Amino acid sequence: MAREPKVSLIPLGGLGEIGKNMMVVRYGDNILVIDSGLMFPEEDLLGIDVVIPDISYLLENKNIVRGIVLTHGHEDHIGALPYVLKKLNVPVYGTKLTLGILDSKLREQNVHNQAKLNCVKPRDVVQVGPFKVEFIRVSHSIPDAVSLAIETPIGTIVHTGDFKIDQTPVDGEVTDVQRLAQLGDKGVLALLSDSTNVEKVGYTMSERVVGQTFDNTFREAREGIIVATFASNVHRLQQAITTAHRYKRKVAVAGRSMINVVNIARELGYLRVPEGVLVELDEAGKLPRNQVVYLTTGSQGEPMSALTRIASRDHRQVEIMPGDTIIISATPIPGNEKLVARVIDQLFKQGANVIYDAASGVHVSGHPSQEELKLMINLVKPKFFMPVHGEYRMLVKHAQLAREVGIPESNIFVGENGQVLELTRRSGRFTGRVTAGRVLVDGLGVGDVGNIVLRDRRQLSQDGILIVVVTIRRDTGIIISGPDIVSRGFVYVREAEELMEEAKEKVKTALDKCSAKKMYEWSSIKSLIKDDLSKFLYEKTRRRPMILPIIMDV
């Protein structure tokens, strides 16, 4: 009997977490990749800049990767591409703004794949290997966002990307509900749907709510106005610029990524800026305070962002004056709450009026709440359902919603990164795992910081370091000089001279032991120094600094 054809869905990121979204669709010897995002590090990832998906599986199968399709231009969907495209030379398909933002990222990182970027429009269909991919317009917090309908030889797979069903979007481009319903009527094998906001009941408010709040706030503001939001939230920037123009204020932009996005969005026609409204930061500083609006990055309290530097009086061109109005137009990403709170405190201390609570209407989400998620399932009417984009509890909650609207439990699959979901026309099951995980990016190093380095960084940050330097004659084991002890982040040496003298004595005793046993093997000597000194310091201080013995021989 001939084997039944099957298609595999393999998430490499975005399940059980918020960010680094990446999904693989495999049919036979053909792979299609959906999105390639990054996530920002949690607090315990000391010194790490960003986290990207582990693409070992794609590299093992690089000859059969037919292309990468993108849903929209947010970092958590395209941010890993500069790293991925260094290793995978494949065509990339996306809408105009998505590719505009990506192109600038690739140039920044010196990745020369620009010729392989293919621009598409909503309702376009492209053939990528055996997959026919249709791009379907959806509303989100960035223009040019799309869902994907991927026609495979055994059925159509719909991937929502990030979406919401906004009936009054800022740019007038509503979600293409009609096309989604047509696909549902024809028959959809599987739906992969965004779970980010599944814990919120009802509907997500329209982006225009923020425009109304901006209008009220700008009208009442007596001094300068600063609006902090995500750089890529082009609709939000548009509303801030339009409102500033209405109240005869000039607009200045602070923050590298914000300047970048504003330039790209203007160039491509996604941001309409009235003549003469945008001014340079230096020029804005010379204008009367009540005639300026600053757009800045830093809505997440990122340490090096424009708003954080302004709040700590560390920004060269922008400072807070008493009576200024600061609008933080974003909700903190889980884990960033403390950073954001610290920035808000600093702004209040400088006499500013800070509006930061989502309930005040300065922020609405770009993701669907429960009623929109149910509507999506009812429009598409899939045979199989897999929640994506969310922490594990969100995926489970989304699965419950799918059950409520009539998808049989046996056809709902809550997966994890790396789990292979195999679908035939009639059945679905998890069949195994592929390598999936996180790769840490620190400066120019990609993946060279692993668990051991992080463990060392954690220890250094908690208990400091002690360096023991001693010079020994290799042939006789006689100490020529030392031991000298240098300490950083453990104790201040001058205030702990007695402790340091005792520590030196401990090292000498350890060296005498080595000499008596005729141990001239450097690694053994270092090991003994470490053990004895560690034990002694823990007894005396209840701390475990990192101990680094350095032995020089003459």
Protein backbone atom coordinates (compact mmCIF):
# COMPACT_ATOMS: atom_id res chain seq x y z
CA MET A 1 0.00 0.00 0.00
CA ALA A 2 1.38 3.46 -0.94
CA ARG A 3 2.32 5.62 2.03
CA GLU A 4 -0.06 8.48 2.66
CA PRO A 5 1.52 11.87 1.80
CA LYS A 6 2.19 14.07 4.82
CA VAL A 7 3.27 17.58 5.71
CA SER A 8 5.28 18.41 8.86
CA LEU A 9 5.01 21.56 10.97
CA ILE A 10 8.14 22.19 13.04
CA PRO A 11 8.35 25.27 15.30
CA LEU A 12 11.97 26.38 15.87
CA GLY A 13 10.91 29.34 18.04
CA GLY A 14 7.88 31.22 19.37
CA LEU A 15 6.22 28.37 21.33
CA GLY A 16 6.41 28.53 25.12
CA GLU A 17 7.89 32.04 24.83
CA ILE A 18 7.18 35.51 23.48
CA GLY A 19 9.53 36.27 20.60
CA LYS A 20 11.99 34.55 18.22
CA ASN A 21 9.12 33.29 16.10
CA MET A 22 10.12 30.73 13.46
CA MET A 23 8.05 27.94 11.90
CA VAL A 24 9.15 25.29 9.40
CA VAL A 25 6.72 23.66 6.94
CA ARG A 26 8.17 20.50 5.38
CA TYR A 27 6.76 18.41 2.55
CA GLY A 28 9.04 15.58 1.34
CA ASP A 29 12.41 17.09 0.47
CA ASN A 30 11.17 20.68 0.58
CA ILE A 31 11.29 23.16 3.44
CA LEU A 32 9.55 26.53 3.71
CA VAL A 33 10.42 28.81 6.66
CA ILE A 34 7.90 31.29 8.12
CA ASP A 35 9.51 34.28 9.90
CA SER A 36 12.86 34.43 11.63
CA GLY A 37 12.64 36.52 14.77
CA LEU A 38 14.71 37.36 17.81
CA MET A 39 13.84 37.94 21.45
CA PHE A 40 15.42 40.23 23.99
CA PRO A 41 17.30 38.60 26.88
CA GLU A 42 15.79 37.96 30.29
CA GLU A 43 17.51 39.36 33.36
CA ASP A 44 19.53 36.19 34.03
CA LEU A 45 21.23 36.34 30.59
CA LEU A 46 23.96 38.68 31.77
CA GLY A 47 25.59 40.75 29.02
CA ILE A 48 23.61 39.09 26.23
CA ASP A 49 22.32 41.47 23.52
CA VAL A 50 19.71 39.31 21.78
CA VAL A 51 18.54 35.69 21.57
CA ILE A 52 17.89 33.99 18.21
CA PRO A 53 16.54 30.52 17.30
CA ASP A 54 18.88 27.56 16.91
CA ILE A 55 18.78 26.80 13.18
CA SER A 56 20.86 23.57 13.27
CA TYR A 57 17.91 21.71 11.68
CA LEU A 58 17.85 24.13 8.73
CA LEU A 59 21.62 23.95 8.29
CA GLU A 60 21.52 20.12 8.28
CA ASN A 61 18.89 20.40 5.50
CA LYS A 62 20.17 23.56 3.81
CA ASN A 63 19.95 22.01 0.31
CA ILE A 64 16.18 21.60 0.58
CA VAL A 65 15.28 25.00 2.12
CA ARG A 66 13.29 26.66 -0.69
CA GLY A 67 12.71 30.07 0.86
CA ILE A 68 11.68 32.24 3.82
CA VAL A 69 8.30 34.04 3.91
CA LEU A 70 7.70 36.94 6.30
CA THR A 71 4.48 38.08 7.97
CA HIS A 72 5.58 41.61 9.05
CA GLY A 73 8.50 43.79 10.05
CA HIS A 74 8.69 43.47 13.83
CA GLU A 75 11.96 42.35 15.46
CA ASP A 76 10.41 39.18 16.87
CA HIS A 77 9.64 38.09 13.29
CA ILE A 78 12.57 39.37 11.20
CA GLY A 79 15.32 40.24 13.73
CA ALA A 80 17.28 36.97 13.35
CA LEU A 81 17.53 37.19 9.55
CA PRO A 82 20.89 39.04 9.47
CA TYR A 83 22.36 36.02 11.32
CA VAL A 84 20.35 33.36 9.44
CA LEU A 85 21.08 34.74 5.95
CA LYS A 86 24.82 34.59 6.61
CA LYS A 87 24.43 30.81 6.67
CA LEU A 88 21.44 30.19 4.40
CA ASN A 89 21.46 31.64 0.92
CA VAL A 90 17.74 31.46 0.06
CA PRO A 91 15.10 33.82 -1.37
CA VAL A 92 13.06 35.90 1.11
CA TYR A 93 9.48 37.06 0.41
CA GLY A 94 7.79 39.93 2.22
CA THR A 95 5.73 43.10 1.77
CA LYS A 96 7.30 46.46 0.93
CA LEU A 97 7.69 47.93 4.43
CA THR A 98 8.82 44.58 5.90
CA LEU A 99 11.59 44.32 3.31
CA GLY A 100 12.47 48.02 3.71
CA ILE A 101 13.15 47.51 7.43
CA LEU A 102 14.93 44.18 6.79
CA ASP A 103 17.12 45.68 4.05
CA SER A 104 18.39 48.34 6.46
CA LYS A 105 19.18 45.65 9.10
CA LEU A 106 21.08 43.54 6.56
CA ARG A 107 23.14 46.53 5.41
CA GLU A 108 23.92 47.43 9.02
CA GLN A 109 25.34 43.94 9.57
CA ASN A 110 27.05 43.73 6.18
CA VAL A 111 24.92 40.88 4.85
CA HIS A 112 24.75 41.01 1.06
CA ASN A 113 21.56 39.09 0.29
CA GLN A 114 19.60 42.07 -0.94
CA ALA A 115 19.23 40.63 -4.44
CA LYS A 116 17.26 37.74 -2.95
CA LEU A 117 14.58 39.93 -1.34
CA ASN A 118 11.31 39.53 -3.25
CA CYS A 119 8.60 42.15 -2.68
CA VAL A 120 4.95 40.98 -2.63
CA LYS A 121 1.55 42.65 -2.15
CA PRO A 122 -1.53 41.32 -0.31
CA ARG A 123 -3.44 38.79 -2.44
CA ASP A 124 -0.22 37.96 -4.38
CA VAL A 125 0.55 34.25 -4.76
CA VAL A 126 4.16 33.01 -5.09
CA GLN A 127 5.39 29.51 -5.85
CA VAL A 128 8.17 28.41 -3.48
CA GLY A 129 9.14 24.83 -4.36
CA PRO A 130 5.95 22.77 -4.11
CA PHE A 131 4.29 25.43 -1.88
CA LYS A 132 1.92 28.08 -3.22
CA VAL A 133 2.00 30.95 -0.73
CA GLU A 134 -0.73 33.59 -0.71
CA PHE A 135 -0.31 36.80 1.31
CA ILE A 136 -3.50 38.05 3.02
CA ARG A 137 -3.75 41.53 4.53
CA VAL A 138 -4.30 41.81 8.30
CA SER A 139 -4.34 44.76 10.74
CA HIS A 140 -1.51 44.95 13.26
CA SER A 141 0.52 47.70 14.95
CA ILE A 142 2.79 48.00 11.90
CA PRO A 143 1.57 48.50 8.32
CA ASP A 144 1.92 45.80 5.66
CA ALA A 145 1.28 42.86 8.01
CA VAL A 146 -0.02 39.67 6.37
CA SER A 147 -1.35 36.23 7.18
CA LEU A 148 -0.17 33.37 4.97
CA ALA A 149 -2.20 30.71 3.16
CA ILE A 150 0.23 27.95 2.17
CA GLU A 151 -1.14 25.49 -0.34
CA THR A 152 0.63 22.13 -0.02
CA PRO A 153 -0.09 18.96 -2.02
CA ILE A 154 -2.20 17.64 0.89
CA GLY A 155 -4.11 20.79 1.86
CA THR A 156 -3.92 24.47 2.79
CA ILE A 157 -2.19 25.67 5.95
CA VAL A 158 -3.12 29.16 7.23
CA HIS A 159 -0.62 30.98 9.47
CA THR A 160 -2.17 34.14 10.92
CA GLY A 161 1.08 35.95 11.76
CA ASP A 162 0.40 38.74 14.28
CA PHE A 163 -3.03 40.23 13.64
CA LYS A 164 -6.08 41.91 15.09
CA ILE A 165 -9.47 42.59 13.58
CA ASP A 166 -9.49 46.40 13.67
CA GLN A 167 -12.56 47.81 11.87
CA THR A 168 -11.13 51.36 11.85
CA PRO A 169 -7.36 51.03 11.31
CA VAL A 170 -5.28 54.20 11.04
CA ASP A 171 -4.28 53.51 7.43
CA GLY A 172 -7.76 52.30 6.42
CA GLU A 173 -6.39 48.86 5.48
CA VAL A 174 -8.72 46.40 7.22
CA THR A 175 -8.10 42.69 7.74
CA ASP A 176 -9.13 40.79 4.58
CA VAL A 177 -11.91 38.84 6.33
CA GLN A 178 -13.53 38.03 2.98
CA ARG A 179 -10.48 36.14 1.70
CA LEU A 180 -10.09 34.22 4.97
CA ALA A 181 -13.75 33.17 4.73
CA GLN A 182 -13.27 32.04 1.11
CA LEU A 183 -10.36 29.86 2.17
CA GLY A 184 -12.52 28.43 4.97
CA ASP A 185 -15.24 27.55 2.47
CA LYS A 186 -12.73 25.79 0.19
CA GLY A 187 -11.34 23.82 3.14
CA VAL A 188 -8.30 24.44 5.32
CA LEU A 189 -6.15 21.59 6.64
CA ALA A 190 -4.57 23.48 9.57
CA LEU A 191 -4.68 26.88 11.24
CA LEU A 192 -1.69 28.25 13.19
CA SER A 193 -2.90 31.26 15.17
CA ASP A 194 -1.36 34.06 17.31
CA SER A 195 -1.84 33.44 21.07
CA THR A 196 -0.19 36.58 22.54
CA ASN A 197 -3.41 38.16 23.86
CA VAL A 198 -5.46 35.02 24.49
CA GLU A 199 -5.81 35.86 28.20
CA LYS A 200 -7.78 39.05 27.37
CA VAL A 201 -11.55 38.73 27.04
CA GLY A 202 -13.59 40.58 24.44
CA TYR A 203 -12.07 42.50 21.53
CA THR A 204 -8.84 44.47 21.27
CA MET A 205 -9.57 48.20 20.95
CA SER A 206 -8.93 50.02 17.68
CA GLU A 207 -5.63 51.87 17.22
CA ARG A 208 -7.73 55.04 16.72
CA VAL A 209 -8.45 55.09 20.48
CA VAL A 210 -4.82 56.14 20.96
CA GLY A 211 -5.28 58.98 18.44
CA GLN A 212 -8.18 60.31 20.51
CA THR A 213 -6.08 60.14 23.71
CA PHE A 214 -3.18 61.92 21.97
CA ASP A 215 -5.59 64.65 20.88
CA ASN A 216 -6.88 65.24 24.44
CA THR A 217 -3.38 65.13 25.95
CA PHE A 218 -1.73 67.41 23.35
CA ARG A 219 -4.56 69.94 23.70
CA GLU A 220 -4.07 70.19 27.47
CA ALA A 221 -0.24 70.08 27.54
CA ARG A 222 1.30 73.43 28.48
CA GLU A 223 5.01 72.58 28.04
CA GLY A 224 7.04 70.05 25.99
CA ILE A 225 5.66 66.63 25.04
CA ILE A 226 7.65 63.40 24.76
CA VAL A 227 6.02 60.29 23.26
CA ALA A 228 7.90 57.01 23.80
CA THR A 229 6.81 53.96 21.82
CA PHE A 230 8.21 51.05 19.82
CA ALA A 231 10.15 52.38 16.83
CA SER A 232 8.32 50.02 14.49
CA ASN A 233 4.82 51.09 15.58
CA VAL A 234 4.37 53.24 12.47
CA HIS A 235 0.61 53.78 13.05
CA ARG A 236 1.37 55.23 16.49
CA LEU A 237 4.06 57.52 15.05
CA GLN A 238 1.62 58.66 12.36
CA GLN A 239 -0.99 59.58 14.97
CA ALA A 240 1.56 61.47 17.09
CA ILE A 241 2.80 63.44 14.04
CA THR A 242 -0.75 64.21 12.81
CA THR A 243 -1.81 65.42 16.29
CA ALA A 244 1.36 67.50 16.72
CA HIS A 245 0.67 69.22 13.38
CA ARG A 246 -2.95 69.89 14.43
CA TYR A 247 -1.71 71.71 17.55
CA LYS A 248 1.04 73.56 15.62
CA ARG A 249 3.94 71.72 17.23
CA LYS A 250 7.16 70.62 15.52
CA VAL A 251 8.29 66.99 15.85
CA ALA A 252 11.86 65.82 16.60
CA VAL A 253 12.92 62.16 16.65
CA ALA A 254 15.39 60.70 19.20
CA GLY A 255 16.80 57.17 19.22
CA ARG A 256 18.69 55.44 16.40
CA SER A 257 16.09 52.77 15.62
CA MET A 258 13.27 55.36 15.66
CA ILE A 259 15.15 57.65 13.24
CA ASN A 260 15.79 54.62 11.01
CA VAL A 261 12.14 53.50 10.87
CA VAL A 262 10.82 57.04 10.35
CA ASN A 263 13.17 57.50 7.38
CA ILE A 264 12.27 54.12 5.82
CA ALA A 265 8.49 54.54 6.39
CA ARG A 266 8.54 58.08 4.89
CA GLU A 267 10.60 56.97 1.91
CA LEU A 268 8.22 54.08 1.16
CA GLY A 269 5.09 56.18 1.67
CA TYR A 270 3.82 54.58 4.91
CA LEU A 271 4.31 57.71 7.03
CA ARG A 272 2.77 60.97 5.87
CA VAL A 273 4.56 63.96 7.40
CA PRO A 274 3.25 67.46 6.58
CA GLU A 275 5.86 69.84 5.14
CA GLY A 276 8.08 71.47 7.78
CA VAL A 277 6.79 69.46 10.77
CA LEU A 278 9.93 67.33 11.29
CA VAL A 279 12.94 69.18 12.74
CA GLU A 280 16.39 68.11 13.95
CA LEU A 281 16.95 67.68 17.71
CA ASP A 282 19.27 70.71 17.90
CA GLU A 283 16.68 72.90 16.23
CA ALA A 284 13.92 71.59 18.54
CA GLY A 285 16.02 72.62 21.56
CA LYS A 286 15.94 76.27 20.38
CA LEU A 287 12.15 76.41 19.95
CA PRO A 288 9.71 77.48 22.71
CA ARG A 289 8.96 74.42 24.87
CA ASN A 290 5.23 74.41 24.07
CA GLN A 291 5.89 74.08 20.35
CA VAL A 292 7.75 70.74 20.39
CA VAL A 293 6.92 67.03 20.48
CA TYR A 294 9.76 64.52 20.81
CA LEU A 295 9.26 60.96 19.54
CA THR A 296 11.66 58.60 21.33
CA THR A 297 12.55 54.97 21.82
CA GLY A 298 12.72 53.51 25.34
CA SER A 299 9.13 52.53 26.12
CA GLN A 300 10.58 49.31 27.66
CA GLY A 301 13.11 51.12 29.88
CA GLU A 302 16.05 49.72 27.87
CA PRO A 303 19.24 51.00 29.57
CA MET A 304 20.79 52.66 26.48
CA SER A 305 17.56 53.97 24.91
CA ALA A 306 16.75 57.65 24.38
CA LEU A 307 14.03 57.91 27.06
CA THR A 308 16.17 56.21 29.73
CA ARG A 309 19.06 58.58 28.99
CA ILE A 310 16.69 61.58 29.05
CA ALA A 311 15.25 60.39 32.41
CA SER A 312 18.73 60.09 33.93
CA ARG A 313 19.80 63.52 32.52
CA ASP A 314 22.31 61.79 30.30
CA HIS A 315 21.00 62.84 26.87
CA ARG A 316 23.01 65.54 25.07
CA GLN A 317 20.12 67.18 23.20
CA VAL A 318 16.92 66.55 25.17
CA GLU A 319 16.20 67.39 28.79
CA ILE A 320 13.09 67.34 30.95
CA MET A 321 11.61 70.58 32.25
CA PRO A 322 9.04 70.75 35.06
CA GLY A 323 5.54 70.60 33.57
CA ASP A 324 6.53 68.50 30.52
CA THR A 325 4.12 65.74 29.52
CA ILE A 326 5.59 62.28 28.90
CA ILE A 327 3.44 59.64 27.21
CA ILE A 328 4.73 56.05 27.45
CA SER A 329 2.72 54.48 24.66
CA ALA A 330 3.40 50.75 25.22
CA THR A 331 2.87 48.13 27.90
CA PRO A 332 5.97 46.58 29.46
CA ILE A 333 7.00 43.25 27.95
CA PRO A 334 6.97 40.65 30.79
CA GLY A 335 10.29 41.00 32.62
CA ASN A 336 10.74 44.72 31.81
CA GLU A 337 8.34 46.05 34.45
CA LYS A 338 11.10 47.10 36.90
CA LEU A 339 13.11 48.91 34.23
CA VAL A 340 10.03 50.84 33.09
CA ALA A 341 9.01 51.69 36.68
CA ARG A 342 12.50 53.05 37.38
CA VAL A 343 12.36 55.36 34.33
CA ILE A 344 8.85 56.59 35.28
CA ASP A 345 10.08 57.39 38.83
CA GLN A 346 13.02 59.40 37.46
CA LEU A 347 10.72 61.36 35.15
CA PHE A 348 8.30 62.21 37.99
CA LYS A 349 11.27 63.36 40.13
CA GLN A 350 12.10 65.91 37.43
CA GLY A 351 8.62 67.39 37.65
CA ALA A 352 7.14 65.78 34.54
CA ASN A 353 3.57 64.58 34.18
CA VAL A 354 3.88 60.94 33.07
CA ILE A 355 0.99 59.11 31.38
CA TYR A 356 1.87 55.44 31.24
CA ASP A 357 -1.09 53.25 32.12
CA ALA A 358 -2.72 51.36 29.22
CA ALA A 359 -6.10 52.04 30.89
CA SER A 360 -5.58 55.74 30.14
CA GLY A 361 -5.85 54.94 26.41
CA VAL A 362 -2.22 55.73 25.47
CA HIS A 363 -1.66 52.19 24.25
CA VAL A 364 -3.70 49.46 22.62
CA SER A 365 -2.39 46.07 21.65
CA GLY A 366 -1.76 44.91 18.11
CA HIS A 367 -2.85 41.36 18.98
CA PRO A 368 -6.29 39.71 19.01
CA SER A 369 -8.30 39.14 22.18
CA GLN A 370 -10.53 36.08 22.73
CA GLU A 371 -13.47 37.08 20.53
CA GLU A 372 -11.21 37.84 17.55
CA LEU A 373 -9.41 34.52 18.01
CA LYS A 374 -12.75 32.68 17.97
CA LEU A 375 -13.77 34.65 14.89
CA MET A 376 -10.55 33.66 13.10
CA ILE A 377 -11.18 29.96 13.81
CA ASN A 378 -14.80 30.25 12.66
CA LEU A 379 -13.80 32.04 9.44
CA VAL A 380 -11.05 29.59 8.50
CA LYS A 381 -12.85 26.43 9.76
CA PRO A 382 -9.65 24.35 9.92
CA LYS A 383 -9.54 20.57 10.34
CA PHE A 384 -6.49 20.82 12.63
CA PHE A 385 -5.50 23.66 14.97
CA MET A 386 -2.13 24.63 16.48
CA PRO A 387 -1.76 27.71 18.71
CA VAL A 388 1.53 29.60 18.16
CA HIS A 389 3.27 32.78 19.42
CA GLY A 390 2.91 32.62 23.18
CA GLU A 391 4.04 31.24 26.51
CA TYR A 392 2.85 27.72 27.28
CA ARG A 393 -0.15 28.76 29.40
CA MET A 394 -1.32 30.97 26.49
CA LEU A 395 -1.12 28.07 24.04
CA VAL A 396 -3.19 25.92 26.42
CA LYS A 397 -5.76 28.70 26.84
CA HIS A 398 -5.97 29.13 23.06
CA ALA A 399 -6.54 25.37 22.69
CA GLN A 400 -9.48 25.69 25.13
CA LEU A 401 -10.99 28.46 22.96
CA ALA A 402 -10.66 26.23 19.89
CA ARG A 403 -12.55 23.47 21.73
CA GLU A 404 -15.28 25.95 22.68
CA VAL A 405 -15.88 26.83 19.03
CA GLY A 406 -16.13 23.19 18.03
CA ILE A 407 -12.69 21.90 17.01
CA PRO A 408 -12.42 18.29 18.30
CA GLU A 409 -9.86 17.83 21.08
CA SER A 410 -8.04 15.15 19.03
CA ASN A 411 -7.43 17.73 16.26
CA ILE A 412 -5.83 20.38 18.51
CA PHE A 413 -2.07 20.27 19.04
CA VAL A 414 -0.27 22.25 21.75
CA GLY A 415 3.40 21.88 20.83
CA GLU A 416 6.84 22.95 21.98
CA ASN A 417 9.81 24.26 20.05
CA GLY A 418 11.43 21.41 18.13
CA GLN A 419 8.40 19.09 18.24
CA VAL A 420 7.42 17.71 14.82
CA LEU A 421 3.69 17.72 14.08
CA GLU A 422 2.95 15.41 11.16
CA LEU A 423 -0.33 15.92 9.29
CA THR A 424 -1.99 13.79 6.64
CA ARG A 425 -5.35 14.61 5.05
CA ARG A 426 -7.10 12.66 7.80
CA SER A 427 -4.88 12.57 10.88
CA GLY A 428 -2.29 14.47 12.89
CA ARG A 429 0.27 13.42 15.51
CA PHE A 430 3.54 14.46 17.11
CA THR A 431 6.25 12.17 15.74
CA GLY A 432 9.51 13.28 17.30
CA ARG A 433 11.84 16.21 17.85
CA VAL A 434 14.50 18.17 16.02
CA THR A 435 17.19 20.39 17.54
CA ALA A 436 15.65 23.66 18.70
CA GLY A 437 16.68 26.11 21.36
CA ARG A 438 18.27 29.48 21.78
CA VAL A 439 21.49 30.91 20.45
CA LEU A 440 22.87 33.85 22.44
CA VAL A 441 24.31 36.87 20.64
CA ASP A 442 26.85 38.96 22.58
CA GLY A 443 28.49 41.74 20.59
CA LEU A 444 29.91 40.14 17.47
CA GLY A 445 29.87 36.65 19.00
CA VAL A 446 26.98 34.43 17.91
CA GLY A 447 26.56 31.29 19.98
CA ASP A 448 29.98 31.50 21.65
CA VAL A 449 28.47 32.34 25.03
CA GLY A 450 26.99 29.17 26.49
CA ASN A 451 25.85 27.95 29.90
CA ILE A 452 29.37 27.79 31.37
CA VAL A 453 30.18 31.41 30.46
CA LEU A 454 26.80 32.55 31.83
CA ARG A 455 27.40 30.60 35.04
CA ASP A 456 30.78 32.35 35.42
CA ARG A 457 29.20 35.75 34.76
CA ARG A 458 26.55 35.02 37.38
CA GLN A 459 29.19 34.04 39.93
CA LEU A 460 31.28 37.13 39.14
CA SER A 461 28.21 39.36 39.51
CA GLN A 462 27.27 37.82 42.85
CA ASP A 463 30.55 37.12 44.70
CA GLY A 464 33.34 38.74 42.68
CA ILE A 465 36.78 37.37 41.79
CA LEU A 466 40.06 36.71 43.59
CA ILE A 467 43.25 36.37 41.54
CA VAL A 468 46.23 34.66 43.18
CA VAL A 469 49.61 35.32 41.49
CA VAL A 470 52.69 33.31 42.46
CA THR A 471 56.09 32.74 40.78
CA ILE A 472 57.68 29.30 41.24
CA ARG A 473 60.83 27.60 40.01
CA ARG A 474 59.52 24.71 37.96
CA ASP A 475 62.44 22.31 38.70
CA THR A 476 62.55 22.75 42.51
CA GLY A 477 59.08 24.08 43.33
CA ILE A 478 60.63 26.94 45.36
CA ILE A 479 58.51 30.13 45.56
CA ILE A 480 60.41 33.02 43.99
CA SER A 481 57.77 35.71 44.63
CA GLY A 482 54.24 36.03 45.96
CA PRO A 483 51.69 34.90 46.59
CA ASP A 484 50.01 38.22 45.72
CA ILE A 485 46.22 38.52 45.83
CA VAL A 486 44.13 40.87 43.70
CA SER A 487 40.39 41.13 44.44
CA ARG A 488 37.51 42.65 42.45
CA GLY A 489 33.89 42.68 43.60
CA PHE A 490 34.69 40.52 46.65
CA VAL A 491 36.06 42.76 49.39
CA TYR A 492 37.86 46.08 49.29
CA VAL A 493 41.44 44.98 50.00
CA ARG A 494 42.48 47.90 52.23
CA GLU A 495 39.55 47.30 54.56
CA ALA A 496 40.20 43.59 54.71
CA GLU A 497 43.98 43.47 55.08
CA GLU A 498 43.80 40.88 57.83
CA LEU A 499 41.63 38.57 55.73
CA MET A 500 43.97 38.93 52.76
CA GLU A 501 47.05 38.16 54.89
CA GLU A 502 45.35 35.01 56.19
CA ALA A 503 44.42 34.09 52.62
CA LYS A 504 48.07 34.45 51.54
CA GLU A 505 49.11 32.18 54.39
CA LYS A 506 46.55 29.59 53.20
CA VAL A 507 48.05 29.73 49.70
CA LYS A 508 51.59 29.30 51.11
CA THR A 509 50.45 26.29 53.15
CA ALA A 510 48.88 24.78 50.01
CA LEU A 511 52.13 25.34 48.09
CA ASP A 512 54.16 23.76 50.92
CA LYS A 513 51.89 20.69 50.70
CA CYS A 514 52.60 20.47 46.96
CA SER A 515 56.32 20.83 47.55
CA ALA A 516 56.32 18.09 50.22
CA LYS A 517 54.44 15.73 47.89
CA LYS A 518 56.74 16.73 44.99
CA MET A 519 53.68 17.90 43.01
CA TYR A 520 55.07 20.01 40.18
CA GLU A 521 52.09 19.61 37.84
CA TRP A 522 50.63 23.12 37.36
CA SER A 523 46.99 21.98 37.12
CA SER A 524 47.26 20.00 40.39
CA ILE A 525 48.85 22.95 42.20
CA LYS A 526 46.14 25.33 40.92
CA SER A 527 43.41 22.91 41.92
CA LEU A 528 44.75 22.58 45.47
CA ILE A 529 45.12 26.38 45.88
CA LYS A 530 41.54 26.83 44.65
CA ASP A 531 40.06 24.20 46.99
CA ASP A 532 41.89 25.32 50.13
CA LEU A 533 41.30 29.02 49.55
CA SER A 534 37.64 28.53 48.63
CA LYS A 535 36.99 26.57 51.82
CA PHE A 536 38.77 29.18 53.94
CA LEU A 537 36.94 32.17 52.38
CA TYR A 538 33.54 30.51 52.71
CA GLU A 539 34.15 29.83 56.41
CA LYS A 540 35.20 33.46 56.95
CA THR A 541 32.73 35.34 54.73
CA ARG A 542 30.00 32.90 53.60
CA ARG A 543 30.81 33.97 50.02
CA ARG A 544 32.16 31.99 47.10
CA PRO A 545 34.18 34.32 44.85
CA MET A 546 35.67 32.97 41.64
CA ILE A 547 39.30 32.04 42.41
CA LEU A 548 41.81 32.31 39.61
CA PRO A 549 45.32 31.05 40.47
CA ILE A 550 48.04 32.29 38.07
CA ILE A 551 51.38 30.48 38.35
CA MET A 552 54.42 31.84 36.57
CA ASP A 553 57.54 29.73 36.29
CA VAL A 554 61.18 30.71 35.95
